[in-house]
């Protein structure tokens, strides 16, 4: 677990047209960055954004941070040039918006290979339409090169004709479906963004909700959201101590048949959960 787990608690969108923001990102305590060529960049700035994102991704100046590039969607006039340039830059991942089917995933993987993307450059597929949600299982399992499903909750709310409400009840079925698909395929899943940068309490509540659903982390739109997100998606000290104590009880009781910890019966599944907690904690602490 510790060798395979990649911390993706906080993944921040950065407009790639903003050179100052790209420089600032080198010092942010984020686990990952999405250098954006799509929504955050106007048509007149697409070429500049592409050049700056690729230079940043190839620079090696972002330390432990996972650096990805979000290209413009399939079918747009910028997509092909974005994808070719991103492959040449060799980021950790290429994020593609509005992926709608397993066939599209396979086509994108073929394009990555055709453009010579290094093996470490993985595909991150954004799930942000009803069709994608309904086909999430097939999308998640379409290629071994697919590493992450990214929930595009803003677009999903729009496509559903739903409303933004506290607790996100209109999205519960869709988000749970995507988490199930990701877990079935063994890929990571990131929750969508929280839109109100002034609502600290709302952010924390939504981070905890995403964590409780099983998401690996959350995409963010502002640096001020990073620290609360990192805290929410990492094991607390209490959880770590409890995991250690549970494993100690398990090892002490080996061969006895029934093992209890704090009045709770301990089974193999509890041991696996405890080991995961410690592995996540170890990986997060390694980030410093």
C-alpha atoms as a PDB file:
ATOM      1  CA  UNK A   1       0.000   0.000   0.000  1.00  0.00           C
ATOM      2  CA  UNK A   2       2.698   2.505   0.977  1.00  0.00           C
ATOM      3  CA  UNK A   3       4.557   1.973  -2.302  1.00  0.00           C
ATOM      4  CA  UNK A   4       1.444   2.436  -4.451  1.00  0.00           C
ATOM      5  CA  UNK A   5      -0.315   5.228  -2.594  1.00  0.00           C
ATOM      6  CA  UNK A   6       0.174   8.714  -4.056  1.00  0.00           C
ATOM      7  CA  UNK A   7      -1.111  11.567  -1.850  1.00  0.00           C
ATOM      8  CA  UNK A   8      -3.666  13.590  -3.795  1.00  0.00           C
ATOM      9  CA  UNK A   9      -5.410  15.291  -0.875  1.00  0.00           C
ATOM     10  CA  UNK A  10      -5.296  18.731  -2.496  1.00  0.00           C
ATOM     11  CA  UNK A  11      -5.084  19.302  -6.242  1.00  0.00           C
ATOM     12  CA  UNK A  12      -5.170  22.963  -7.238  1.00  0.00           C
ATOM     13  CA  UNK A  13      -6.277  24.367 -10.584  1.00  0.00           C
ATOM     14  CA  UNK A  14      -3.887  27.091 -11.787  1.00  0.00           C
ATOM     15  CA  UNK A  15      -4.538  29.262 -14.869  1.00  0.00           C
ATOM     16  CA  UNK A  16      -1.548  28.496 -17.082  1.00  0.00           C
ATOM     17  CA  UNK A  17      -1.772  31.929 -18.694  1.00  0.00           C
ATOM     18  CA  UNK A  18      -0.764  33.518 -15.362  1.00  0.00           C
ATOM     19  CA  UNK A  19       3.019  33.268 -15.068  1.00  0.00           C
ATOM     20  CA  UNK A  20       2.995  34.721 -11.564  1.00  0.00           C
ATOM     21  CA  UNK A  21       0.558  32.063 -10.354  1.00  0.00           C
ATOM     22  CA  UNK A  22       2.700  29.308 -11.839  1.00  0.00           C
ATOM     23  CA  UNK A  23       5.724  30.651  -9.980  1.00  0.00           C
ATOM     24  CA  UNK A  24       3.801  30.928  -6.708  1.00  0.00           C
ATOM     25  CA  UNK A  25       2.634  27.329  -7.012  1.00  0.00           C
ATOM     26  CA  UNK A  26       6.212  26.113  -6.454  1.00  0.00           C
ATOM     27  CA  UNK A  27       5.875  27.003  -2.766  1.00  0.00           C
ATOM     28  CA  UNK A  28       2.300  25.929  -2.067  1.00  0.00           C
ATOM     29  CA  UNK A  29       1.732  22.894   0.198  1.00  0.00           C
ATOM     30  CA  UNK A  30      -0.402  21.131  -2.404  1.00  0.00           C
ATOM     31  CA  UNK A  31      -0.136  17.490  -3.388  1.00  0.00           C
ATOM     32  CA  UNK A  32      -0.940  18.232  -7.016  1.00  0.00           C
ATOM     33  CA  UNK A  33      -1.416  20.949  -9.590  1.00  0.00           C
ATOM     34  CA  UNK A  34      -3.632  21.128 -12.657  1.00  0.00           C
ATOM     35  CA  UNK A  35      -2.123  23.703 -15.012  1.00  0.00           C
ATOM     36  CA  UNK A  36      -5.256  24.757 -16.831  1.00  0.00           C
ATOM     37  CA  UNK A  37      -5.543  25.471 -20.550  1.00  0.00           C
ATOM     38  CA  UNK A  38      -9.333  25.201 -20.568  1.00  0.00           C
ATOM     39  CA  UNK A  39     -11.921  27.116 -18.524  1.00  0.00           C
ATOM     40  CA  UNK A  40      -9.504  29.507 -16.822  1.00  0.00           C
ATOM     41  CA  UNK A  41      -7.983  30.689 -20.106  1.00  0.00           C
ATOM     42  CA  UNK A  42      -9.623  32.879 -22.747  1.00  0.00           C
ATOM     43  CA  UNK A  43      -9.256  32.130 -26.474  1.00  0.00           C
ATOM     44  CA  UNK A  44      -6.708  34.916 -26.999  1.00  0.00           C
ATOM     45  CA  UNK A  45      -4.440  33.443 -24.313  1.00  0.00           C
ATOM     46  CA  UNK A  46      -4.606  29.747 -25.241  1.00  0.00           C
ATOM     47  CA  UNK A  47      -1.249  29.627 -27.045  1.00  0.00           C
ATOM     48  CA  UNK A  48       0.572  31.475 -24.263  1.00  0.00           C
ATOM     49  CA  UNK A  49      -1.003  29.266 -21.628  1.00  0.00           C
ATOM     50  CA  UNK A  50       0.015  26.133 -23.522  1.00  0.00           C
ATOM     51  CA  UNK A  51       3.617  27.284 -23.794  1.00  0.00           C
ATOM     52  CA  UNK A  52       3.846  28.285 -20.119  1.00  0.00           C
ATOM     53  CA  UNK A  53       2.169  25.121 -18.832  1.00  0.00           C
ATOM     54  CA  UNK A  54       4.491  22.889 -20.815  1.00  0.00           C
ATOM     55  CA  UNK A  55       7.567  24.824 -19.708  1.00  0.00           C
ATOM     56  CA  UNK A  56       6.457  24.548 -16.082  1.00  0.00           C
ATOM     57  CA  UNK A  57       5.722  20.827 -16.336  1.00  0.00           C
ATOM     58  CA  UNK A  58       9.114  20.139 -17.915  1.00  0.00           C
ATOM     59  CA  UNK A  59      11.055  22.336 -15.488  1.00  0.00           C
ATOM     60  CA  UNK A  60      11.358  19.912 -12.595  1.00  0.00           C
ATOM     61  CA  UNK A  61      10.938  22.866 -10.223  1.00  0.00           C
ATOM     62  CA  UNK A  62       7.783  21.747  -8.403  1.00  0.00           C
ATOM     63  CA  UNK A  63       9.338  19.290  -5.982  1.00  0.00           C
ATOM     64  CA  UNK A  64       7.075  16.516  -4.737  1.00  0.00           C
ATOM     65  CA  UNK A  65       3.983  18.069  -6.311  1.00  0.00           C
ATOM     66  CA  UNK A  66       2.248  16.037  -8.981  1.00  0.00           C
ATOM     67  CA  UNK A  67       2.093  18.353 -12.016  1.00  0.00           C
ATOM     68  CA  UNK A  68      -0.612  17.812 -14.621  1.00  0.00           C
ATOM     69  CA  UNK A  69      -1.882  19.796 -17.593  1.00  0.00           C
ATOM     70  CA  UNK A  70      -5.572  20.150 -18.364  1.00  0.00           C
ATOM     71  CA  UNK A  71      -5.995  20.332 -22.113  1.00  0.00           C
ATOM     72  CA  UNK A  72      -9.046  21.625 -23.918  1.00  0.00           C
ATOM     73  CA  UNK A  73     -11.777  19.098 -24.601  1.00  0.00           C
ATOM     74  CA  UNK A  74     -11.986  16.678 -27.480  1.00  0.00           C
ATOM     75  CA  UNK A  75     -13.534  18.347 -30.506  1.00  0.00           C
ATOM     76  CA  UNK A  76     -12.334  21.862 -29.685  1.00  0.00           C
ATOM     77  CA  UNK A  77      -9.965  23.692 -31.991  1.00  0.00           C
ATOM     78  CA  UNK A  78      -7.207  23.621 -29.374  1.00  0.00           C
ATOM     79  CA  UNK A  79      -7.321  20.003 -28.265  1.00  0.00           C
ATOM     80  CA  UNK A  80      -4.888  18.408 -30.703  1.00  0.00           C
ATOM     81  CA  UNK A  81      -2.205  21.059 -30.266  1.00  0.00           C
ATOM     82  CA  UNK A  82      -2.660  20.985 -26.482  1.00  0.00           C
ATOM     83  CA  UNK A  83      -2.277  17.221 -26.339  1.00  0.00           C
ATOM     84  CA  UNK A  84       0.783  17.110 -28.588  1.00  0.00           C
ATOM     85  CA  UNK A  85       2.523  19.833 -26.587  1.00  0.00           C
ATOM     86  CA  UNK A  86       1.630  18.248 -23.244  1.00  0.00           C
ATOM     87  CA  UNK A  87       2.994  14.879 -24.353  1.00  0.00           C
ATOM     88  CA  UNK A  88       6.275  16.507 -25.351  1.00  0.00           C
ATOM     89  CA  UNK A  89       6.514  18.221 -21.953  1.00  0.00           C
ATOM     90  CA  UNK A  90       5.986  14.938 -20.082  1.00  0.00           C
ATOM     91  CA  UNK A  91       3.896  16.011 -17.056  1.00  0.00           C
ATOM     92  CA  UNK A  92       2.739  13.545 -14.424  1.00  0.00           C
ATOM     93  CA  UNK A  93      -0.683  13.567 -15.988  1.00  0.00           C
ATOM     94  CA  UNK A  94      -2.830  14.949 -18.784  1.00  0.00           C
ATOM     95  CA  UNK A  95      -6.279  15.972 -17.559  1.00  0.00           C
ATOM     96  CA  UNK A  96      -9.004  15.763 -20.190  1.00  0.00           C
ATOM     97  CA  UNK A  97     -12.398  17.400 -19.577  1.00  0.00           C
ATOM     98  CA  UNK A  98     -15.758  15.888 -20.439  1.00  0.00           C
ATOM     99  CA  UNK A  99     -14.597  12.358 -21.145  1.00  0.00           C
ATOM    100  CA  UNK A 100     -17.784  10.558 -22.056  1.00  0.00           C
ATOM    101  CA  UNK A 101     -16.977   6.937 -22.834  1.00  0.00           C
ATOM    102  CA  UNK A 102     -14.479   4.114 -22.639  1.00  0.00           C
ATOM    103  CA  UNK A 103     -13.920   4.521 -26.361  1.00  0.00           C
ATOM    104  CA  UNK A 104     -12.785   8.097 -25.805  1.00  0.00           C
ATOM    105  CA  UNK A 105     -10.390   6.920 -23.095  1.00  0.00           C
ATOM    106  CA  UNK A 106      -8.829   4.389 -25.459  1.00  0.00           C
ATOM    107  CA  UNK A 107      -8.539   7.028 -28.175  1.00  0.00           C
ATOM    108  CA  UNK A 108      -6.835   9.437 -25.784  1.00  0.00           C
ATOM    109  CA  UNK A 109      -4.390   6.753 -24.660  1.00  0.00           C
ATOM    110  CA  UNK A 110      -3.563   5.988 -28.285  1.00  0.00           C
ATOM    111  CA  UNK A 111      -2.954   9.705 -28.849  1.00  0.00           C
ATOM    112  CA  UNK A 112      -0.633   9.892 -25.823  1.00  0.00           C
ATOM    113  CA  UNK A 113       1.380   7.032 -27.227  1.00  0.00           C
ATOM    114  CA  UNK A 114       1.378   8.456 -30.762  1.00  0.00           C
ATOM    115  CA  UNK A 115       2.712  11.774 -29.482  1.00  0.00           C
ATOM    116  CA  UNK A 116       5.455  10.053 -27.513  1.00  0.00           C
ATOM    117  CA  UNK A 117       4.312  10.830 -23.976  1.00  0.00           C
ATOM    118  CA  UNK A 118       6.642   9.188 -21.439  1.00  0.00           C
ATOM    119  CA  UNK A 119       5.301   6.225 -19.503  1.00  0.00           C
ATOM    120  CA  UNK A 120       4.990   8.307 -16.336  1.00  0.00           C
ATOM    121  CA  UNK A 121       2.457  10.610 -18.000  1.00  0.00           C
ATOM    122  CA  UNK A 122      -0.911   9.196 -16.987  1.00  0.00           C
ATOM    123  CA  UNK A 123      -4.407  10.064 -18.138  1.00  0.00           C
ATOM    124  CA  UNK A 124      -6.784  11.818 -15.742  1.00  0.00           C
ATOM    125  CA  UNK A 125     -10.376  11.718 -17.018  1.00  0.00           C
ATOM    126  CA  UNK A 126     -12.926  14.290 -15.928  1.00  0.00           C
ATOM    127  CA  UNK A 127     -16.399  12.919 -15.261  1.00  0.00           C
ATOM    128  CA  UNK A 128     -18.842  15.799 -15.577  1.00  0.00           C
ATOM    129  CA  UNK A 129     -21.864  14.687 -17.610  1.00  0.00           C
ATOM    130  CA  UNK A 130     -24.765  12.299 -16.929  1.00  0.00           C
ATOM    131  CA  UNK A 131     -23.519  10.016 -19.701  1.00  0.00           C
ATOM    132  CA  UNK A 132     -20.076   9.802 -18.136  1.00  0.00           C
ATOM    133  CA  UNK A 133     -21.542   9.002 -14.722  1.00  0.00           C
ATOM    134  CA  UNK A 134     -23.673   6.201 -16.147  1.00  0.00           C
ATOM    135  CA  UNK A 135     -20.644   4.813 -18.020  1.00  0.00           C
ATOM    136  CA  UNK A 136     -18.156   5.485 -15.208  1.00  0.00           C
ATOM    137  CA  UNK A 137     -17.347   1.820 -14.619  1.00  0.00           C
ATOM    138  CA  UNK A 138     -16.377   1.282 -18.265  1.00  0.00           C
ATOM    139  CA  UNK A 139     -14.450   4.576 -18.363  1.00  0.00           C
ATOM    140  CA  UNK A 140     -12.458   3.726 -15.243  1.00  0.00           C
ATOM    141  CA  UNK A 141     -11.517   0.275 -16.542  1.00  0.00           C
ATOM    142  CA  UNK A 142     -10.792   1.268 -20.149  1.00  0.00           C
ATOM    143  CA  UNK A 143      -6.992   1.515 -19.868  1.00  0.00           C
ATOM    144  CA  UNK A 144      -4.196   0.832 -17.426  1.00  0.00           C
ATOM    145  CA  UNK A 145      -2.857   4.280 -18.296  1.00  0.00           C
ATOM    146  CA  UNK A 146      -5.902   5.911 -16.700  1.00  0.00           C
ATOM    147  CA  UNK A 147      -4.882   6.852 -13.160  1.00  0.00           C
ATOM    148  CA  UNK A 148      -7.526   9.257 -11.841  1.00  0.00           C
ATOM    149  CA  UNK A 149     -11.190  10.133 -12.260  1.00  0.00           C
ATOM    150  CA  UNK A 150     -11.821  13.816 -11.565  1.00  0.00           C
ATOM    151  CA  UNK A 151     -15.354  14.827 -10.680  1.00  0.00           C
ATOM    152  CA  UNK A 152     -16.479  17.944 -12.522  1.00  0.00           C
ATOM    153  CA  UNK A 153     -19.297  18.853 -10.179  1.00  0.00           C
ATOM    154  CA  UNK A 154     -20.041  22.317 -11.573  1.00  0.00           C
ATOM    155  CA  UNK A 155     -20.706  20.986 -15.052  1.00  0.00           C
ATOM    156  CA  UNK A 156     -22.587  18.038 -13.622  1.00  0.00           C
ATOM    157  CA  UNK A 157     -24.969  20.307 -11.703  1.00  0.00           C
ATOM    158  CA  UNK A 158     -25.581  22.264 -14.897  1.00  0.00           C
ATOM    159  CA  UNK A 159     -26.166  19.158 -17.007  1.00  0.00           C
ATOM    160  CA  UNK A 160     -28.562  17.705 -14.439  1.00  0.00           C
ATOM    161  CA  UNK A 161     -30.556  20.905 -14.186  1.00  0.00           C
ATOM    162  CA  UNK A 162     -29.945  20.673 -10.450  1.00  0.00           C
ATOM    163  CA  UNK A 163     -29.098  23.369  -7.897  1.00  0.00           C
ATOM    164  CA  UNK A 164     -26.084  24.057  -5.716  1.00  0.00           C
ATOM    165  CA  UNK A 165     -27.236  23.335  -2.169  1.00  0.00           C
ATOM    166  CA  UNK A 166     -25.382  22.658   1.103  1.00  0.00           C
ATOM    167  CA  UNK A 167     -24.785  18.951   1.471  1.00  0.00           C
ATOM    168  CA  UNK A 168     -24.957  18.392  -2.312  1.00  0.00           C
ATOM    169  CA  UNK A 169     -27.973  16.085  -2.109  1.00  0.00           C
ATOM    170  CA  UNK A 170     -28.689  16.411  -5.878  1.00  0.00           C
ATOM    171  CA  UNK A 171     -25.235  14.966  -6.615  1.00  0.00           C
ATOM    172  CA  UNK A 172     -25.172  12.145  -4.080  1.00  0.00           C
ATOM    173  CA  UNK A 173     -26.116   9.361  -6.480  1.00  0.00           C
ATOM    174  CA  UNK A 174     -23.767  10.537  -9.206  1.00  0.00           C
ATOM    175  CA  UNK A 175     -20.778  11.051  -6.945  1.00  0.00           C
ATOM    176  CA  UNK A 176     -21.246   7.736  -5.173  1.00  0.00           C
ATOM    177  CA  UNK A 177     -21.502   5.998  -8.538  1.00  0.00           C
ATOM    178  CA  UNK A 178     -18.187   7.474  -9.678  1.00  0.00           C
ATOM    179  CA  UNK A 179     -16.454   6.505  -6.428  1.00  0.00           C
ATOM    180  CA  UNK A 180     -17.751   2.947  -6.841  1.00  0.00           C
ATOM    181  CA  UNK A 181     -16.454   2.845 -10.419  1.00  0.00           C
ATOM    182  CA  UNK A 182     -13.032   4.126  -9.407  1.00  0.00           C
ATOM    183  CA  UNK A 183     -12.682   1.621  -6.594  1.00  0.00           C
ATOM    184  CA  UNK A 184     -13.815  -1.263  -8.807  1.00  0.00           C
ATOM    185  CA  UNK A 185     -11.123  -0.357 -11.348  1.00  0.00           C
ATOM    186  CA  UNK A 186      -8.422   0.449  -8.811  1.00  0.00           C
ATOM    187  CA  UNK A 187      -7.977   4.088  -9.816  1.00  0.00           C
ATOM    188  CA  UNK A 188      -7.986   7.248  -7.725  1.00  0.00           C
ATOM    189  CA  UNK A 189     -10.947   9.622  -7.557  1.00  0.00           C
ATOM    190  CA  UNK A 190     -10.937  13.342  -6.784  1.00  0.00           C
ATOM    191  CA  UNK A 191     -13.937  15.317  -5.572  1.00  0.00           C
ATOM    192  CA  UNK A 192     -15.004  18.460  -7.414  1.00  0.00           C
ATOM    193  CA  UNK A 193     -14.309  22.064  -6.453  1.00  0.00           C
ATOM    194  CA  UNK A 194     -15.917  24.157  -3.728  1.00  0.00           C
ATOM    195  CA  UNK A 195     -16.929  27.445  -5.317  1.00  0.00           C
ATOM    196  CA  UNK A 196     -17.175  29.928  -2.431  1.00  0.00           C
ATOM    197  CA  UNK A 197     -13.631  30.915  -1.450  1.00  0.00           C
ATOM    198  CA  UNK A 198     -15.006  32.983   1.479  1.00  0.00           C
ATOM    199  CA  UNK A 199     -16.882  30.118   3.150  1.00  0.00           C
ATOM    200  CA  UNK A 200     -14.234  28.326   5.213  1.00  0.00           C
ATOM    201  CA  UNK A 201     -16.742  26.277   7.202  1.00  0.00           C
ATOM    202  CA  UNK A 202     -18.523  25.159   4.051  1.00  0.00           C
ATOM    203  CA  UNK A 203     -15.219  24.074   2.523  1.00  0.00           C
ATOM    204  CA  UNK A 204     -14.295  21.983   5.550  1.00  0.00           C
ATOM    205  CA  UNK A 205     -17.734  20.349   5.590  1.00  0.00           C
ATOM    206  CA  UNK A 206     -17.516  19.480   1.899  1.00  0.00           C
ATOM    207  CA  UNK A 207     -13.972  18.124   2.266  1.00  0.00           C
ATOM    208  CA  UNK A 208     -15.132  15.856   5.084  1.00  0.00           C
ATOM    209  CA  UNK A 209     -18.091  14.761   3.015  1.00  0.00           C
ATOM    210  CA  UNK A 210     -15.842  13.825   0.100  1.00  0.00           C
ATOM    211  CA  UNK A 211     -13.480  11.992   2.415  1.00  0.00           C
ATOM    212  CA  UNK A 212     -16.378  10.099   4.011  1.00  0.00           C
ATOM    213  CA  UNK A 213     -17.627   9.100   0.556  1.00  0.00           C
ATOM    214  CA  UNK A 214     -14.213   7.577  -0.208  1.00  0.00           C
ATOM    215  CA  UNK A 215     -12.589  10.232  -2.391  1.00  0.00           C
ATOM    216  CA  UNK A 216      -8.783  10.422  -2.315  1.00  0.00           C
ATOM    217  CA  UNK A 217      -8.790  14.211  -2.295  1.00  0.00           C
ATOM    218  CA  UNK A 218     -10.383  17.312  -3.729  1.00  0.00           C
ATOM    219  CA  UNK A 219      -9.750  19.712  -6.588  1.00  0.00           C
ATOM    220  CA  UNK A 220      -9.427  23.338  -5.495  1.00  0.00           C
ATOM    221  CA  UNK A 221      -9.645  26.800  -7.018  1.00  0.00           C
ATOM    222  CA  UNK A 222      -7.762  28.951  -4.499  1.00  0.00           C
ATOM    223  CA  UNK A 223      -4.551  28.563  -2.460  1.00  0.00           C
ATOM    224  CA  UNK A 224      -6.423  29.426   0.747  1.00  0.00           C
ATOM    225  CA  UNK A 225      -8.341  26.150   0.382  1.00  0.00           C
ATOM    226  CA  UNK A 226      -5.227  23.966   0.468  1.00  0.00           C
ATOM    227  CA  UNK A 227      -4.510  23.612   4.202  1.00  0.00           C
ATOM    228  CA  UNK A 228      -8.089  22.718   5.251  1.00  0.00           C
ATOM    229  CA  UNK A 229      -8.229  20.182   2.434  1.00  0.00           C
ATOM    230  CA  UNK A 230      -4.908  18.588   3.388  1.00  0.00           C
ATOM    231  CA  UNK A 231      -6.113  18.231   6.962  1.00  0.00           C
ATOM    232  CA  UNK A 232      -9.468  16.730   6.024  1.00  0.00           C
ATOM    233  CA  UNK A 233      -8.044  14.094   3.695  1.00  0.00           C
ATOM    234  CA  UNK A 234      -5.231  12.960   5.995  1.00  0.00           C
ATOM    235  CA  UNK A 235      -5.693  10.629   8.981  1.00  0.00           C
ATOM    236  CA  UNK A 236      -6.000  12.497  12.270  1.00  0.00           C
ATOM    237  CA  UNK A 237      -3.548  11.781  15.070  1.00  0.00           C
ATOM    238  CA  UNK A 238      -6.351  10.007  16.918  1.00  0.00           C
ATOM    239  CA  UNK A 239      -7.010   7.766  13.908  1.00  0.00           C
ATOM    240  CA  UNK A 240      -3.309   6.961  13.596  1.00  0.00           C
ATOM    241  CA  UNK A 241      -2.966   6.066  17.263  1.00  0.00           C
ATOM    242  CA  UNK A 242      -6.086   3.918  17.139  1.00  0.00           C
ATOM    243  CA  UNK A 243      -4.766   2.095  14.050  1.00  0.00           C
ATOM    244  CA  UNK A 244      -1.472   1.360  15.788  1.00  0.00           C
ATOM    245  CA  UNK A 245      -3.234   0.087  18.885  1.00  0.00           C
ATOM    246  CA  UNK A 246      -5.564  -2.105  16.831  1.00  0.00           C
ATOM    247  CA  UNK A 247      -2.634  -3.680  14.980  1.00  0.00           C
ATOM    248  CA  UNK A 248      -0.818  -4.256  18.275  1.00  0.00           C
ATOM    249  CA  UNK A 249      -3.895  -6.012  19.684  1.00  0.00           C
ATOM    250  CA  UNK A 250      -4.174  -8.102  16.521  1.00  0.00           C
ATOM    251  CA  UNK A 251      -0.557  -9.211  16.683  1.00  0.00           C
ATOM    252  CA  UNK A 252      -0.766  -9.939  20.404  1.00  0.00           C
ATOM    253  CA  UNK A 253      -3.887 -12.017  19.928  1.00  0.00           C
ATOM    254  CA  UNK A 254      -2.621 -14.011  16.952  1.00  0.00           C
ATOM    255  CA  UNK A 255      -3.800 -17.606  17.185  1.00  0.00           C
ATOM    256  CA  UNK A 256      -6.439 -16.939  19.844  1.00  0.00           C
ATOM    257  CA  UNK A 257      -9.325 -16.912  17.402  1.00  0.00           C
ATOM    258  CA  UNK A 258     -11.152 -13.834  18.676  1.00  0.00           C
ATOM    259  CA  UNK A 259      -9.358 -10.491  19.095  1.00  0.00           C
ATOM    260  CA  UNK A 260     -10.934  -7.370  20.556  1.00  0.00           C
ATOM    261  CA  UNK A 261      -9.798  -3.749  20.678  1.00  0.00           C
ATOM    262  CA  UNK A 262     -11.575  -1.052  22.704  1.00  0.00           C
ATOM    263  CA  UNK A 263     -14.529  -3.409  23.065  1.00  0.00           C
ATOM    264  CA  UNK A 264     -14.749  -4.011  19.312  1.00  0.00           C
ATOM    265  CA  UNK A 265     -14.221  -7.370  17.626  1.00  0.00           C
ATOM    266  CA  UNK A 266     -11.280  -7.182  15.216  1.00  0.00           C
ATOM    267  CA  UNK A 267     -11.347  -9.001  11.880  1.00  0.00           C
ATOM    268  CA  UNK A 268      -9.043  -9.036   8.869  1.00  0.00           C
ATOM    269  CA  UNK A 269     -10.928  -6.181   7.235  1.00  0.00           C
ATOM    270  CA  UNK A 270     -10.277  -3.945  10.256  1.00  0.00           C
ATOM    271  CA  UNK A 271      -6.600  -4.814  10.077  1.00  0.00           C
ATOM    272  CA  UNK A 272      -6.490  -3.866   6.403  1.00  0.00           C
ATOM    273  CA  UNK A 273      -8.163  -0.534   7.151  1.00  0.00           C
ATOM    274  CA  UNK A 274      -5.693   0.158   9.961  1.00  0.00           C
ATOM    275  CA  UNK A 275      -2.754  -0.629   7.714  1.00  0.00           C
ATOM    276  CA  UNK A 276      -4.118   1.717   5.087  1.00  0.00           C
ATOM    277  CA  UNK A 277      -4.455   4.503   7.665  1.00  0.00           C
ATOM    278  CA  UNK A 278      -0.804   4.091   8.647  1.00  0.00           C
ATOM    279  CA  UNK A 279       0.358   3.889   5.030  1.00  0.00           C
ATOM    280  CA  UNK A 280      -1.486   7.083   4.142  1.00  0.00           C
ATOM    281  CA  UNK A 281      -0.108   8.802   7.225  1.00  0.00           C
ATOM    282  CA  UNK A 282       3.424   7.701   6.348  1.00  0.00           C
ATOM    283  CA  UNK A 283       3.118   8.942   2.766  1.00  0.00           C
ATOM    284  CA  UNK A 284       1.667  12.287   3.874  1.00  0.00           C
ATOM    285  CA  UNK A 285       4.368  12.811   6.496  1.00  0.00           C
ATOM    286  CA  UNK A 286       7.023  12.069   3.879  1.00  0.00           C
ATOM    287  CA  UNK A 287       5.826  15.163   2.049  1.00  0.00           C
ATOM    288  CA  UNK A 288       6.970  17.287   5.011  1.00  0.00           C
END
